Protein backbone atom coordinates (compact mmCIF):
# COMPACT_ATOMS: atom_id res chain seq x y z
CA MET A 1 0.00 0.00 0.00
CA ASP A 2 1.14 3.52 -0.78
CA PRO A 3 2.37 5.17 2.46
CA PHE A 4 1.41 8.55 1.02
CA ALA A 5 -2.01 7.59 -0.33
CA ASP A 6 -3.62 10.28 1.84
CA ILE A 7 -1.26 13.00 0.55
CA ASP A 8 -1.77 14.88 -2.71
CA LEU A 9 1.64 16.22 -3.74
CA ASP A 10 0.10 18.20 -6.60
CA SER A 11 -2.19 20.31 -4.42
CA GLU A 12 0.08 19.99 -1.36
CA SER A 13 -2.76 18.71 0.79
CA VAL A 14 -3.57 15.83 3.11
CA TRP A 15 -6.80 13.83 3.52
CA LEU A 16 -8.23 14.03 7.04
CA ASP A 17 -11.74 13.36 8.32
CA GLY A 18 -13.29 13.27 4.85
CA ALA A 19 -11.68 16.42 3.42
CA TRP A 20 -8.43 17.65 1.85
CA TYR A 21 -6.47 20.17 3.91
CA THR A 22 -3.55 22.31 2.83
CA ARG A 23 -0.84 23.13 5.37
CA GLU A 24 -2.42 26.51 6.07
CA ALA A 25 -5.95 25.11 6.42
CA LEU A 26 -4.79 22.34 8.74
CA ALA A 27 -2.79 24.76 10.90
CA GLN A 28 -5.89 26.99 11.09
CA ARG A 29 -8.03 24.00 12.10
CA ILE A 30 -5.58 23.07 14.88
CA LYS A 31 -5.54 26.68 16.09
CA GLN A 32 -9.35 26.84 16.14
CA MET A 33 -9.55 23.56 18.06
CA ILE A 34 -7.16 24.84 20.73
CA GLU A 35 -8.95 28.21 20.99
CA ALA A 36 -12.23 26.33 21.44
CA GLY A 37 -10.72 24.29 24.29
CA ASP A 38 -10.51 21.07 22.27
CA PHE A 39 -7.01 19.80 22.89
CA ARG A 40 -7.45 16.54 20.97
CA VAL A 41 -5.20 17.77 18.18
CA ALA A 42 -3.05 14.65 17.82
CA ARG A 43 -4.63 13.42 14.57
CA PRO A 44 -4.58 16.80 12.80
CA SER A 45 -1.04 17.40 14.06
CA GLN A 46 0.09 14.00 12.79
CA ALA A 47 -1.54 14.68 9.43
CA LEU A 48 0.25 18.04 9.22
CA GLU A 49 3.55 16.39 10.15
CA ARG A 50 3.07 13.68 7.49
CA LEU A 51 2.26 16.32 4.88
CA GLU A 52 5.32 18.37 5.82
CA GLY A 53 7.52 15.26 5.66
CA ALA A 54 6.18 14.18 2.26
CA LEU A 55 6.62 17.67 0.81
CA ALA A 56 10.15 17.89 2.20
CA GLN A 57 11.04 14.62 0.43
CA ALA A 58 9.41 15.58 -2.87
CA GLN A 59 11.32 17.31 -5.63
CA LEU A 60 9.97 18.92 -8.77
CA VAL A 61 11.00 17.20 -12.01
CA ALA A 62 10.34 18.65 -15.45
CA VAL A 63 9.88 16.21 -18.33
CA ARG A 64 9.42 16.91 -22.02
CA MET A 65 6.94 14.62 -23.77
CA PRO A 66 5.37 14.53 -27.21
CA LEU A 67 1.98 16.22 -27.40
CA ASP A 68 0.10 12.99 -28.15
CA LEU A 69 1.57 11.33 -25.05
CA ILE A 70 0.66 14.33 -22.89
CA GLU A 71 -2.89 14.31 -24.24
CA ALA A 72 -3.24 10.56 -23.66
CA ALA A 73 -1.86 10.84 -20.13
CA GLY A 74 -4.08 13.84 -19.38
CA ALA A 75 -7.19 12.05 -20.65
CA THR A 76 -6.35 8.95 -18.61
CA ALA A 77 -5.72 11.02 -15.47
CA ALA A 78 -9.02 12.84 -15.97
CA ARG A 79 -10.87 9.56 -16.48
CA LEU A 80 -9.32 8.21 -13.25
CA GLY A 81 -10.09 11.43 -11.38
CA ARG A 82 -6.46 11.94 -10.40
CA PRO A 83 -3.97 14.72 -11.15
CA LEU A 84 -1.58 14.16 -14.03
CA GLY A 85 1.36 14.27 -11.60
CA HIS A 86 -0.11 11.31 -9.71
CA LEU A 87 -0.43 9.31 -12.91
CA VAL A 88 3.19 10.07 -13.86
CA ARG A 89 4.51 9.15 -10.38
CA GLU A 90 2.48 5.93 -10.35
CA SER A 91 3.66 5.02 -13.86
CA VAL A 92 7.31 5.52 -12.95
CA ALA A 93 6.85 3.47 -9.76
CA TYR A 94 5.25 0.60 -11.73
CA TYR A 95 8.01 0.73 -14.34
CA LEU A 96 10.76 0.64 -11.71
CA ALA A 97 9.09 -2.26 -9.87
CA ALA A 98 8.74 -4.23 -13.12
CA ALA A 99 12.35 -3.49 -14.09
CA ALA A 100 13.58 -4.59 -10.66
CA ALA A 101 11.53 -7.80 -10.83
CA TYR A 102 12.83 -8.52 -14.32
CA GLY A 103 16.40 -7.85 -13.24
CA ALA A 104 16.04 -10.10 -10.21
CA SER A 105 14.59 -12.91 -12.33
CA GLN A 106 17.44 -12.59 -14.85
CA ALA A 107 20.03 -12.67 -12.05
CA GLY A 108 18.40 -15.72 -10.49
CA THR A 109 17.74 -13.92 -7.20
CA GLY A 110 14.09 -12.99 -7.51
CA PRO A 111 10.86 -14.84 -6.86
CA ALA A 112 10.57 -15.73 -10.56
CA ALA A 113 13.84 -17.67 -10.33
CA ALA A 114 12.94 -19.58 -7.16
CA VAL A 115 12.47 -23.21 -8.21
CA ASP A 116 12.05 -26.31 -6.10
CA PRO A 117 14.57 -28.79 -7.55
CA ALA A 118 12.49 -31.73 -6.29
CA ALA A 119 9.38 -30.57 -8.13
CA PRO A 120 8.62 -31.94 -11.60
CA ALA A 121 9.43 -29.59 -14.46
CA PRO A 122 6.46 -27.45 -15.46
CA ALA A 123 4.87 -28.00 -18.84
CA VAL A 124 5.98 -25.37 -21.30
CA GLY A 125 3.37 -24.05 -23.65
CA PRO A 126 3.30 -21.33 -26.24
CA PRO A 127 3.99 -17.81 -24.95
CA ILE A 128 1.01 -15.75 -23.96
CA GLU A 129 0.76 -12.47 -25.80
CA VAL A 130 -0.90 -9.51 -24.14
CA ASP A 131 -1.74 -6.42 -26.16
CA LEU A 132 -2.19 -3.44 -23.85
CA ARG A 133 -3.14 -1.16 -26.71
CA ASP A 134 -6.80 -2.05 -26.19
CA GLU A 135 -6.58 -0.52 -22.70
CA ALA A 136 -4.53 2.55 -23.60
CA GLU A 137 -5.41 5.79 -25.27
CA PRO A 138 -5.27 5.34 -29.08
CA SER A 139 -3.16 8.47 -29.61
CA PHE A 140 -0.36 6.99 -27.51
CA PHE A 141 0.37 4.34 -30.13
CA LYS A 142 -0.17 6.55 -33.16
CA LYS A 143 3.03 7.27 -35.08
CA ALA A 144 3.83 10.89 -35.72
CA PRO A 145 4.00 11.83 -39.40
């Protein structure tokens, strides 16, 4: 599970009690709670601390992409109801995880390489082909003229 699932790096806000709060809004909420005599500020304070920590770790990265890829990514992000930055971060994370798993399997150190020598050899069939183009935006696979 994503340890920062409740943090939106794009809007610099944190999810707490059914709403998104920016740093300023959360600090104001904590202040109002204390002024009202409600000293149960641990959860809002923890949320503010988590937001501050996530923002301190985050760095801005600029990437140049072809227009058709930007449009496809933007449409997908809109369809998912997430900011484009979230989609890009998630895509990079998936790519890195897949690359690491592939590298581990090639080196014989990953779960894909773990084989019980006493077990009978598995039957080998034809390779399974998966075409992800049906799931992706059509403009992503369109060749530029």
